[in-house]
Amino acid sequence: MKTVENNPSSLILLFGATGDLAKRKLYPSLYNLFKKGHLSDRFAVIGVARRLKDDEEFRNWVKDSVETYGEEIDHLNEFISHFYYQSHDVTESESYKQLKTLVDELDHTYQLQGNRIFYLAMSPEFFGTVAEHLKEDGLTDTKGFKRLVIEKPFGHNLESAIKLNKRIRNSFKEEEVYRIDHYLGKEMVQNIEVIRFANAVFEPLWNNRYISNIQITSSETLGVEERARYYDKSGAIRDMVQNHMLQMVALLAMEPPIRLTTKEIRSEKVKVLRALRPIEDHEVHNYFVRGQYGEGTINGISVPAYREEPNVPHDSNTETFVAGKFLIDNFRWAGVPFYIRTGKRMEKKSTNIIVQFKDIPMNLYYKNGSSLNPNLLVIHVQPEEGITLHLNVKKTGEVMETTPVTLNFSTKNIDGINTPEAYEKLLFDCLRGDATNFTHWDEVALSWRFVDKISEAWANEKADFPNYSAGSMGPKCADELLERDGFFWWPVHF
């Protein structure tokens, strides 16, 4: 098993240092690692951007970030003293040469042993450009480790993803590329493996003999906000399904790995993606449906339709909702549908996974008027984290009737205050060289290959939008998708 270091020394070069992601997520996460002692004293961060002027202004930016989005501010001045700034043009070699001078200086000052992490929290159009310049201008020429961290989206389709991967692989090996999917850093997503492989009560039942269907819902109450220009070119299928939703499907469906190493876990996830039943153009409507929100009311506030949002075309054909059915053609899962739905401006913000077990062969309590609810395992991913198991028990009293009960575990009630944020865990994994919770190129390629068929079919067909009201749980066609199989969507709030 690959060994990892708990608090290695490293220089972090953060491209896009003044962006929204860095301010809301990355600086507070790095501060939490520092506060917990997971960052060595021998670390430094170089913010790379064009907006600010000098180290002092950048440190004030980081300080404001932690004070605004963090939980505590002890030793904050000591933390920001490790931060430095470099005004930079990502297309000019001269900027990289100046950056290398600062990198070499800090490497000596903090005794960083040449360890470097390049984090690209910036526009995807520059991913390949930056990666190539890092090598051409000598920044990857180091005796320590070098790692490239890339935010999504990794390409816009399979063709563009292949081109981007080729450019990156000219400068970095596959094992040096860390493609972030922040869902893989969420506590309960990481708990899927433990629930399955550490409990004898579940693993023997985790197959098509005992499970009737699995439902994954990720709903948002927000609209497109300031992301309209990106989102209208992407849509829910590329923004959520190609990465987050398919990653959760893979974790739920994969075979037990030989051992808990990065290579073996990734290998099993890839097998699931390879086993996905491909969908041809004329079959898309049988497996996937789309929606776009109209005007409506959320939390008592009227909100506009998607086409009325700023920077959205008035005739936009972009979906803000997707529901679909995956079939996995292997021995374990043959015949079991995996249903997913995700959308914006929905009734409730929630991400959960519901495993519905098959009904027992005969209801012995039917004569007493008892209707048996199916057994459900609910994994709550967000906003609350926990597990709920739905069972049937005897009603209190003399008559032998049944009633449903729930067994609950919630990290909010136990140790939620200590639950690391997803980016905090993923940054820590990257520092330690643990790539288990980052996506491998094979996963990215297989995901795009599957999703591209759906995207292409929808691009060639004008949708009847809008088809669901803001504040609802999506269009009627999403309910009909499950009704055809004799199922229905379970509520997200139980």
Protein backbone atom coordinates (compact mmCIF):
# COMPACT_ATOMS: atom_id res chain seq x y z
CA MET A 1 0.00 0.00 0.00
CA LYS A 2 1.32 3.43 -0.92
CA THR A 3 2.64 5.33 2.08
CA VAL A 4 1.59 8.92 2.63
CA GLU A 5 3.12 11.64 4.75
CA ASN A 6 0.86 13.40 7.26
CA ASN A 7 2.30 16.92 7.10
CA PRO A 8 4.82 17.20 4.27
CA SER A 9 6.58 20.41 3.35
CA SER A 10 5.33 21.91 0.10
CA LEU A 11 5.04 25.02 -1.99
CA ILE A 12 1.50 25.59 -3.28
CA LEU A 13 1.18 27.72 -6.40
CA LEU A 14 -2.43 28.79 -6.67
CA PHE A 15 -3.43 30.02 -10.12
CA GLY A 16 -6.65 32.02 -9.88
CA ALA A 17 -5.75 33.25 -6.40
CA THR A 18 -8.32 36.07 -6.38
CA GLY A 19 -11.20 33.97 -7.68
CA ASP A 20 -14.40 33.01 -5.91
CA LEU A 21 -13.41 29.37 -5.33
CA ALA A 22 -10.11 30.34 -3.71
CA LYS A 23 -11.76 32.87 -1.42
CA ARG A 24 -14.78 30.78 -0.35
CA LYS A 25 -13.17 27.34 -0.14
CA LEU A 26 -9.42 27.06 -0.58
CA TYR A 27 -8.06 29.61 1.91
CA PRO A 28 -10.40 28.57 4.75
CA SER A 29 -9.55 24.91 4.04
CA LEU A 30 -5.79 25.57 4.10
CA TYR A 31 -6.25 27.53 7.33
CA ASN A 32 -8.10 24.59 8.92
CA LEU A 33 -5.23 22.28 7.98
CA PHE A 34 -2.78 24.75 9.46
CA LYS A 35 -4.79 25.09 12.67
CA LYS A 36 -5.01 21.28 13.08
CA GLY A 37 -1.28 20.85 12.59
CA HIS A 38 -1.67 19.09 9.22
CA LEU A 39 0.49 21.69 7.48
CA SER A 40 4.18 21.64 8.23
CA ASP A 41 5.81 24.90 9.31
CA ARG A 42 7.76 24.45 6.10
CA PHE A 43 5.02 25.46 3.68
CA ALA A 44 4.40 28.49 1.49
CA VAL A 45 1.66 29.61 -0.88
CA ILE A 46 2.15 31.77 -3.95
CA GLY A 47 -1.01 33.42 -5.19
CA VAL A 48 -0.90 33.82 -8.96
CA ALA A 49 -3.36 36.26 -10.54
CA ARG A 50 -3.60 39.67 -12.23
CA ARG A 51 -5.87 41.57 -9.86
CA LEU A 52 -3.71 42.45 -6.83
CA LYS A 53 -0.42 44.32 -6.46
CA ASP A 54 1.82 42.89 -3.74
CA ASP A 55 2.24 40.44 -0.83
CA GLU A 56 0.53 42.71 1.71
CA GLU A 57 -2.59 43.16 -0.38
CA PHE A 58 -2.75 39.40 -1.03
CA ARG A 59 -2.34 38.57 2.66
CA ASN A 60 -5.19 40.91 3.52
CA TRP A 61 -7.27 39.16 0.86
CA VAL A 62 -6.54 35.77 2.45
CA LYS A 63 -7.20 37.15 5.94
CA ASP A 64 -10.58 38.51 4.87
CA SER A 65 -11.39 35.12 3.31
CA VAL A 66 -10.72 33.22 6.53
CA GLU A 67 -12.53 35.76 8.68
CA THR A 68 -15.56 35.67 6.36
CA TYR A 69 -15.82 31.96 5.58
CA GLY A 70 -13.79 30.29 8.31
CA GLU A 71 -14.85 29.25 11.81
CA GLU A 72 -11.97 30.42 14.01
CA ILE A 73 -9.20 32.97 13.54
CA ASP A 74 -6.48 31.96 16.03
CA HIS A 75 -2.90 32.48 14.81
CA LEU A 76 -4.21 34.01 11.60
CA ASN A 77 -1.29 36.43 11.20
CA GLU A 78 1.16 33.55 11.50
CA PHE A 79 -0.80 31.67 8.83
CA ILE A 80 -0.90 34.50 6.28
CA SER A 81 2.83 35.20 6.75
CA HIS A 82 3.39 32.11 4.56
CA PHE A 83 1.54 33.71 1.62
CA TYR A 84 3.20 35.53 -1.29
CA TYR A 85 1.88 37.12 -4.46
CA GLN A 86 2.96 37.13 -8.10
CA SER A 87 1.16 39.21 -10.72
CA HIS A 88 1.07 36.95 -13.73
CA ASP A 89 0.09 36.57 -17.38
CA VAL A 90 -0.53 32.85 -17.96
CA THR A 91 0.28 33.13 -21.67
CA GLU A 92 3.70 34.83 -21.33
CA SER A 93 6.94 32.94 -20.65
CA GLU A 94 8.45 36.00 -19.00
CA SER A 95 5.85 35.77 -16.23
CA TYR A 96 6.79 32.14 -15.58
CA LYS A 97 10.49 33.02 -15.43
CA GLN A 98 9.73 35.65 -12.79
CA LEU A 99 7.59 33.11 -10.96
CA LYS A 100 10.42 30.58 -11.02
CA THR A 101 12.74 33.10 -9.35
CA LEU A 102 10.26 33.49 -6.48
CA VAL A 103 9.70 29.72 -6.30
CA ASP A 104 13.41 29.00 -5.99
CA GLU A 105 13.76 31.69 -3.32
CA LEU A 106 10.90 30.32 -1.20
CA ASP A 107 12.08 26.76 -1.71
CA HIS A 108 15.37 27.75 -0.07
CA THR A 109 13.79 29.93 2.65
CA TYR A 110 11.32 27.28 3.84
CA GLN A 111 13.47 24.23 3.02
CA LEU A 112 10.71 22.77 0.87
CA GLN A 113 12.93 20.14 -0.80
CA GLY A 114 11.49 21.02 -4.20
CA ASN A 115 7.96 19.81 -3.39
CA ARG A 116 5.45 21.70 -5.52
CA ILE A 117 1.68 21.66 -5.98
CA PHE A 118 0.23 23.61 -8.91
CA TYR A 119 -3.46 24.29 -8.27
CA LEU A 120 -5.42 25.56 -11.28
CA ALA A 121 -8.51 27.33 -9.83
CA MET A 122 -9.09 29.30 -13.00
CA SER A 123 -10.86 29.30 -16.35
CA PRO A 124 -10.62 25.81 -17.96
CA GLU A 125 -9.49 27.32 -21.26
CA PHE A 126 -6.06 27.95 -19.69
CA PHE A 127 -5.47 24.49 -18.16
CA GLY A 128 -3.41 23.22 -21.07
CA THR A 129 -1.57 26.52 -21.54
CA VAL A 130 -0.44 26.69 -17.91
CA ALA A 131 0.61 23.04 -17.81
CA GLU A 132 2.77 23.45 -20.91
CA HIS A 133 4.39 26.66 -19.66
CA LEU A 134 5.18 25.09 -16.28
CA LYS A 135 7.38 22.57 -18.04
CA GLU A 136 8.77 24.79 -20.80
CA ASP A 137 9.82 27.47 -18.32
CA GLY A 138 11.43 25.13 -15.82
CA LEU A 139 8.93 25.10 -12.95
CA THR A 140 8.42 21.34 -13.09
CA ASP A 141 12.17 20.71 -13.06
CA THR A 142 12.47 19.80 -9.39
CA LYS A 143 13.98 17.08 -7.18
CA GLY A 144 10.85 16.91 -5.01
CA PHE A 145 7.33 15.88 -5.95
CA LYS A 146 5.23 17.88 -8.39
CA ARG A 147 1.45 17.62 -8.58
CA LEU A 148 -1.09 19.36 -10.81
CA VAL A 149 -4.54 19.92 -9.29
CA ILE A 150 -7.31 20.66 -11.79
CA GLU A 151 -10.86 21.78 -11.15
CA LYS A 152 -13.73 20.68 -13.37
CA PRO A 153 -14.72 20.80 -16.10
CA PHE A 154 -12.05 18.60 -17.66
CA GLY A 155 -13.05 19.28 -21.24
CA HIS A 156 -16.48 19.93 -22.72
CA ASN A 157 -16.88 16.51 -24.32
CA LEU A 158 -14.73 13.43 -24.96
CA GLU A 159 -12.90 14.98 -27.93
CA SER A 160 -11.89 18.13 -26.03
CA ALA A 161 -11.02 16.11 -22.92
CA ILE A 162 -8.64 13.92 -24.95
CA LYS A 163 -6.91 16.99 -26.41
CA LEU A 164 -6.57 18.58 -22.96
CA ASN A 165 -5.24 15.36 -21.46
CA LYS A 166 -2.58 15.07 -24.16
CA ARG A 167 -1.38 18.63 -23.45
CA ILE A 168 -1.22 18.01 -19.72
CA ARG A 169 0.52 14.65 -20.08
CA ASN A 170 3.34 16.37 -21.96
CA SER A 171 4.24 18.04 -18.67
CA PHE A 172 2.91 15.69 -15.94
CA LYS A 173 2.55 11.94 -15.52
CA GLU A 174 -0.93 10.56 -14.86
CA GLU A 175 -0.07 9.86 -11.22
CA GLU A 176 0.90 13.54 -10.83
CA VAL A 177 -2.47 14.82 -12.07
CA TYR A 178 -5.15 15.33 -9.39
CA ARG A 179 -8.56 16.00 -10.99
CA ILE A 180 -10.80 17.35 -8.24
CA ASP A 181 -14.40 16.26 -7.83
CA HIS A 182 -15.39 17.88 -4.55
CA TYR A 183 -18.23 15.37 -4.07
CA LEU A 184 -15.53 12.74 -3.50
CA GLY A 185 -14.36 14.77 -0.50
CA LYS A 186 -17.77 14.76 1.19
CA GLU A 187 -17.91 12.74 4.39
CA MET A 188 -20.86 10.52 3.48
CA VAL A 189 -19.68 9.89 -0.09
CA GLN A 190 -16.42 8.58 1.37
CA ASN A 191 -18.54 6.61 3.83
CA ILE A 192 -20.16 4.60 1.02
CA GLU A 193 -17.17 2.25 0.93
CA VAL A 194 -17.22 1.78 4.71
CA ILE A 195 -20.98 1.18 4.85
CA ARG A 196 -20.66 -1.47 2.16
CA PHE A 197 -17.41 -3.21 2.99
CA ALA A 198 -17.27 -2.96 6.80
CA ASN A 199 -20.78 -4.24 7.58
CA ALA A 200 -21.75 -7.89 7.15
CA VAL A 201 -25.41 -6.90 7.30
CA PHE A 202 -25.16 -4.99 3.97
CA GLU A 203 -22.54 -6.49 1.67
CA PRO A 204 -24.26 -9.92 1.27
CA LEU A 205 -27.44 -8.05 0.24
CA TRP A 206 -25.71 -5.58 -2.10
CA ASN A 207 -26.80 -7.15 -5.39
CA ASN A 208 -29.72 -7.74 -7.73
CA ARG A 209 -31.18 -10.53 -5.59
CA TYR A 210 -32.09 -8.15 -2.78
CA ILE A 211 -32.04 -4.58 -4.16
CA SER A 212 -34.86 -3.37 -6.42
CA ASN A 213 -33.46 0.06 -7.31
CA ILE A 214 -31.10 2.80 -6.15
CA GLN A 215 -31.96 6.50 -6.35
CA ILE A 216 -29.51 9.41 -6.19
CA THR A 217 -30.86 12.94 -5.90
CA SER A 218 -28.84 16.15 -5.86
CA SER A 219 -31.15 19.16 -5.81
CA GLU A 220 -30.40 22.86 -5.43
CA THR A 221 -32.64 25.79 -4.58
CA LEU A 222 -30.26 28.28 -6.21
CA GLY A 223 -30.43 29.28 -9.85
CA VAL A 224 -27.43 29.86 -12.09
CA GLU A 225 -26.36 32.99 -10.16
CA GLU A 226 -23.13 34.46 -11.64
CA ARG A 227 -22.31 31.25 -13.56
CA ALA A 228 -24.78 31.84 -16.39
CA ARG A 229 -22.22 32.23 -19.19
CA TYR A 230 -20.51 28.95 -18.25
CA TYR A 231 -23.69 27.10 -17.33
CA ASP A 232 -25.58 27.85 -20.55
CA LYS A 233 -22.82 26.13 -22.51
CA SER A 234 -22.69 23.24 -20.07
CA GLY A 235 -26.11 22.43 -18.64
CA ALA A 236 -26.91 19.96 -15.89
CA ILE A 237 -25.73 16.92 -17.85
CA ARG A 238 -22.16 18.21 -18.09
CA ASP A 239 -22.12 20.20 -14.86
CA MET A 240 -23.40 17.42 -12.59
CA VAL A 241 -24.05 14.06 -14.27
CA GLN A 242 -20.74 13.54 -16.08
CA ASN A 243 -18.77 13.92 -12.86
CA HIS A 244 -20.56 14.01 -9.47
CA MET A 245 -23.49 11.70 -10.21
CA LEU A 246 -21.51 9.10 -12.14
CA GLN A 247 -18.84 9.04 -9.43
CA MET A 248 -21.48 8.20 -6.82
CA VAL A 249 -22.92 5.49 -9.08
CA ALA A 250 -19.45 3.98 -9.44
CA LEU A 251 -18.85 3.92 -5.67
CA LEU A 252 -22.24 2.32 -5.03
CA ALA A 253 -21.86 -0.32 -7.71
CA MET A 254 -18.17 -1.25 -7.65
CA GLU A 255 -16.90 -4.65 -6.51
CA PRO A 256 -14.91 -4.88 -3.26
CA PRO A 257 -11.30 -3.94 -4.10
CA ILE A 258 -8.51 -6.38 -3.36
CA ARG A 259 -7.09 -3.81 -0.97
CA LEU A 260 -7.79 -0.18 -0.10
CA THR A 261 -5.21 1.39 -2.37
CA THR A 262 -5.65 4.14 -4.92
CA LYS A 263 -4.96 1.81 -7.83
CA GLU A 264 -7.33 -0.96 -6.75
CA ILE A 265 -10.26 1.33 -5.85
CA ARG A 266 -9.94 3.25 -9.12
CA SER A 267 -9.75 -0.02 -11.03
CA GLU A 268 -13.09 -1.20 -9.61
CA LYS A 269 -14.76 2.14 -10.37
CA VAL A 270 -13.55 1.97 -13.97
CA LYS A 271 -15.08 -1.52 -14.33
CA VAL A 272 -18.48 -0.09 -13.36
CA LEU A 273 -18.22 2.71 -15.93
CA ARG A 274 -17.22 0.18 -18.58
CA ALA A 275 -20.28 -1.93 -17.70
CA LEU A 276 -22.77 0.94 -18.16
CA ARG A 277 -25.25 -0.02 -20.85
CA PRO A 278 -24.58 2.37 -23.77
CA ILE A 279 -27.47 4.45 -25.06
CA GLU A 280 -27.95 5.15 -28.75
CA ASP A 281 -29.41 8.43 -30.02
CA HIS A 282 -32.90 7.05 -30.65
CA GLU A 283 -33.03 5.51 -27.15
CA VAL A 284 -32.12 8.59 -25.13
CA HIS A 285 -35.74 9.55 -24.35
CA ASN A 286 -36.31 6.07 -22.87
CA TYR A 287 -33.53 6.54 -20.32
CA PHE A 288 -33.07 10.28 -19.74
CA VAL A 289 -35.32 13.32 -19.47
CA ARG A 290 -34.46 17.00 -19.15
CA GLY A 291 -36.04 20.11 -17.78
CA GLN A 292 -35.59 23.85 -17.50
CA TYR A 293 -37.09 25.91 -14.68
CA GLY A 294 -39.71 28.56 -15.19
CA GLU A 295 -40.66 31.25 -12.74
CA GLY A 296 -41.85 30.23 -9.31
CA THR A 297 -41.56 30.73 -5.58
CA ILE A 298 -38.80 29.49 -3.26
CA ASN A 299 -38.96 30.13 0.47
CA GLY A 300 -41.71 32.65 -0.13
CA ILE A 301 -39.67 34.65 -2.66
CA SER A 302 -40.62 34.93 -6.33
CA VAL A 303 -37.78 33.97 -8.66
CA PRO A 304 -37.49 34.38 -12.45
CA ALA A 305 -37.38 31.68 -15.11
CA TYR A 306 -34.00 30.47 -16.34
CA ARG A 307 -34.43 32.30 -19.65
CA GLU A 308 -35.01 35.53 -17.73
CA GLU A 309 -31.77 35.25 -15.75
CA PRO A 310 -28.95 37.71 -16.61
CA ASN A 311 -26.67 36.56 -19.47
CA VAL A 312 -29.01 33.70 -20.47
CA PRO A 313 -30.38 33.71 -24.07
CA HIS A 314 -34.17 34.12 -24.23
CA ASP A 315 -34.45 30.99 -26.37
CA SER A 316 -31.93 28.87 -24.43
CA ASN A 317 -32.21 25.11 -25.01
CA THR A 318 -29.98 24.35 -22.01
CA GLU A 319 -31.30 21.95 -19.39
CA THR A 320 -31.24 22.90 -15.70
CA PHE A 321 -32.61 19.51 -14.65
CA VAL A 322 -31.74 15.93 -15.60
CA ALA A 323 -33.27 12.64 -14.51
CA GLY A 324 -32.03 9.37 -15.85
CA LYS A 325 -31.73 5.62 -15.53
CA PHE A 326 -28.42 3.77 -15.63
CA LEU A 327 -28.29 0.03 -16.18
CA ILE A 328 -25.09 -1.80 -15.29
CA ASP A 329 -24.62 -4.95 -17.31
CA ASN A 330 -22.63 -7.15 -14.97
CA PHE A 331 -23.35 -10.17 -12.79
CA ARG A 332 -24.02 -8.20 -9.60
CA TRP A 333 -26.34 -5.52 -10.97
CA ALA A 334 -28.12 -6.98 -14.02
CA GLY A 335 -31.71 -5.69 -13.98
CA VAL A 336 -31.31 -3.13 -11.18
CA PRO A 337 -31.94 0.46 -12.28
CA PHE A 338 -29.82 3.26 -10.83
CA TYR A 339 -31.93 6.41 -11.03
CA ILE A 340 -30.40 9.89 -10.80
CA ARG A 341 -31.92 13.35 -10.76
CA THR A 342 -30.30 16.72 -10.34
CA GLY A 343 -31.52 20.23 -10.90
CA LYS A 344 -31.53 23.89 -10.00
CA ARG A 345 -34.31 25.97 -8.45
CA MET A 346 -35.85 22.91 -6.86
CA GLU A 347 -37.93 22.61 -3.71
CA LYS A 348 -35.11 21.70 -1.34
CA LYS A 349 -31.33 21.68 -1.26
CA SER A 350 -30.39 18.07 -0.69
CA THR A 351 -28.11 15.29 -1.85
CA ASN A 352 -29.03 11.80 -0.79
CA ILE A 353 -28.80 8.18 -1.88
CA ILE A 354 -31.71 5.79 -1.32
CA VAL A 355 -31.18 2.05 -1.61
CA GLN A 356 -34.56 0.32 -1.89
CA PHE A 357 -34.52 -3.36 -1.00
CA LYS A 358 -36.92 -5.82 -2.62
CA ASP A 359 -40.21 -6.67 -0.95
CA ILE A 360 -40.41 -9.90 1.03
CA PRO A 361 -42.05 -12.75 -0.93
CA MET A 362 -45.29 -12.71 1.11
CA ASN A 363 -46.86 -10.27 3.56
CA LEU A 364 -47.84 -12.44 6.52
CA TYR A 365 -49.44 -9.46 8.22
CA TYR A 366 -51.75 -8.48 5.37
CA LYS A 367 -54.81 -10.14 6.98
CA ASN A 368 -54.38 -7.86 9.99
CA GLY A 369 -54.55 -4.81 7.78
CA SER A 370 -50.82 -4.09 7.81
CA SER A 371 -49.16 -2.79 4.68
CA LEU A 372 -45.42 -3.32 4.66
CA ASN A 373 -43.18 -0.50 3.53
CA PRO A 374 -40.00 -1.53 1.72
CA ASN A 375 -36.76 -1.50 3.67
CA LEU A 376 -34.67 1.53 2.71
CA LEU A 377 -31.12 2.57 3.41
CA VAL A 378 -30.78 6.35 3.08
CA ILE A 379 -27.33 7.95 2.92
CA HIS A 380 -27.65 11.69 3.58
CA VAL A 381 -24.76 13.48 1.83
CA GLN A 382 -25.79 17.13 2.32
CA PRO A 383 -26.78 19.47 3.89
CA GLU A 384 -26.94 17.10 6.87
CA GLU A 385 -24.70 14.06 6.91
CA GLY A 386 -25.84 10.69 8.20
CA ILE A 387 -27.56 7.37 7.61
CA THR A 388 -31.18 6.29 8.07
CA LEU A 389 -32.42 2.70 7.94
CA HIS A 390 -36.17 2.19 7.42
CA LEU A 391 -37.60 -0.99 8.98
CA ASN A 392 -40.98 -2.49 9.91
CA VAL A 393 -41.76 -3.40 13.53
CA LYS A 394 -44.81 -4.42 15.57
CA LYS A 395 -47.19 -1.70 16.63
CA THR A 396 -47.53 -1.22 20.35
CA GLY A 397 -50.65 -3.02 21.56
CA GLU A 398 -52.29 -6.42 21.52
CA VAL A 399 -52.98 -6.68 17.79
CA MET A 400 -50.17 -8.04 15.59
CA GLU A 401 -49.87 -5.11 13.19
CA THR A 402 -46.77 -3.48 11.78
CA THR A 403 -45.55 0.10 11.69
CA PRO A 404 -42.52 1.67 9.99
CA VAL A 405 -39.63 2.95 12.13
CA THR A 406 -36.29 4.56 11.37
CA LEU A 407 -32.83 4.04 12.83
CA ASN A 408 -30.78 7.22 12.46
CA PHE A 409 -27.17 8.24 12.67
CA SER A 410 -26.23 11.89 12.13
CA THR A 411 -22.78 13.43 12.26
CA LYS A 412 -24.49 16.69 13.22
CA ASN A 413 -25.47 15.24 16.59
CA ILE A 414 -22.21 13.38 17.20
CA ASP A 415 -19.17 15.15 15.80
CA GLY A 416 -20.43 17.37 13.02
CA ILE A 417 -18.45 20.34 14.27
CA ASN A 418 -15.26 18.41 13.56
CA THR A 419 -16.31 17.10 10.14
CA PRO A 420 -13.77 18.44 7.62
CA GLU A 421 -15.09 20.33 4.62
CA ALA A 422 -14.68 18.50 1.31
CA TYR A 423 -11.92 20.79 -0.01
CA GLU A 424 -10.02 20.53 3.26
CA LYS A 425 -9.89 16.74 2.98
CA LEU A 426 -8.96 16.79 -0.70
CA LEU A 427 -6.18 19.34 -0.18
CA PHE A 428 -4.82 17.21 2.66
CA ASP A 429 -4.93 14.12 0.43
CA CYS A 430 -3.06 15.98 -2.31
CA LEU A 431 -0.37 17.15 0.12
CA ARG A 432 0.10 13.56 1.28
CA GLY A 433 0.12 12.12 -2.22
CA ASP A 434 -3.12 10.12 -1.80
CA ALA A 435 -5.02 10.25 -5.11
CA THR A 436 -7.80 7.82 -4.13
CA ASN A 437 -10.49 10.51 -4.03
CA PHE A 438 -9.45 12.16 -7.29
CA THR A 439 -10.62 10.98 -10.70
CA HIS A 440 -8.35 9.02 -13.01
CA TRP A 441 -8.23 9.79 -16.73
CA ASP A 442 -9.93 6.46 -17.53
CA GLU A 443 -12.92 7.50 -15.40
CA VAL A 444 -13.10 10.89 -17.11
CA ALA A 445 -12.94 9.38 -20.60
CA LEU A 446 -15.58 6.71 -19.92
CA SER A 447 -17.90 9.27 -18.33
CA TRP A 448 -17.65 11.59 -21.32
CA ARG A 449 -18.16 8.72 -23.77
CA PHE A 450 -21.45 7.86 -22.07
CA VAL A 451 -22.72 11.42 -21.59
CA ASP A 452 -21.80 12.66 -25.07
CA LYS A 453 -24.51 10.52 -26.67
CA ILE A 454 -27.16 12.19 -24.52
CA SER A 455 -25.80 15.69 -25.07
CA GLU A 456 -25.67 15.23 -28.83
CA ALA A 457 -29.24 13.93 -28.99
CA TRP A 458 -30.54 16.87 -26.96
CA ALA A 459 -28.54 19.43 -28.97
CA ASN A 460 -30.28 18.26 -32.13
CA GLU A 461 -33.78 18.53 -30.68
CA LYS A 462 -35.55 21.68 -29.50
CA ALA A 463 -37.02 21.14 -26.04
CA ASP A 464 -40.38 22.42 -24.84
CA PHE A 465 -38.99 24.67 -22.10
CA PRO A 466 -39.69 25.74 -19.42
CA ASN A 467 -41.32 22.54 -18.13
CA TYR A 468 -41.08 22.81 -14.34
CA SER A 469 -41.74 25.62 -11.90
CA ALA A 470 -39.02 26.95 -9.65
CA GLY A 471 -39.65 25.52 -6.17
CA SER A 472 -40.87 22.14 -7.44
CA MET A 473 -39.03 18.82 -7.67
CA GLY A 474 -38.71 18.89 -11.45
CA PRO A 475 -40.84 18.13 -14.51
CA LYS A 476 -43.59 15.50 -14.69
CA CYS A 477 -41.59 13.46 -17.20
CA ALA A 478 -39.11 12.63 -14.41
CA ASP A 479 -41.91 10.95 -12.44
CA GLU A 480 -43.09 9.11 -15.55
CA LEU A 481 -39.58 7.74 -16.07
CA LEU A 482 -39.86 5.74 -12.84
CA GLU A 483 -43.55 4.98 -13.19
CA ARG A 484 -42.83 2.98 -16.34
CA ASP A 485 -40.75 0.63 -14.16
CA GLY A 486 -43.29 0.51 -11.33
CA PHE A 487 -41.33 2.83 -9.00
CA PHE A 488 -41.57 6.41 -7.74
CA TRP A 489 -39.14 8.99 -6.41
CA TRP A 490 -38.75 8.84 -2.67
CA PRO A 491 -38.94 12.24 -0.94
CA VAL A 492 -35.61 13.94 -0.26
CA HIS A 493 -36.61 15.11 3.22
CA PHE A 494 -37.32 11.91 5.12
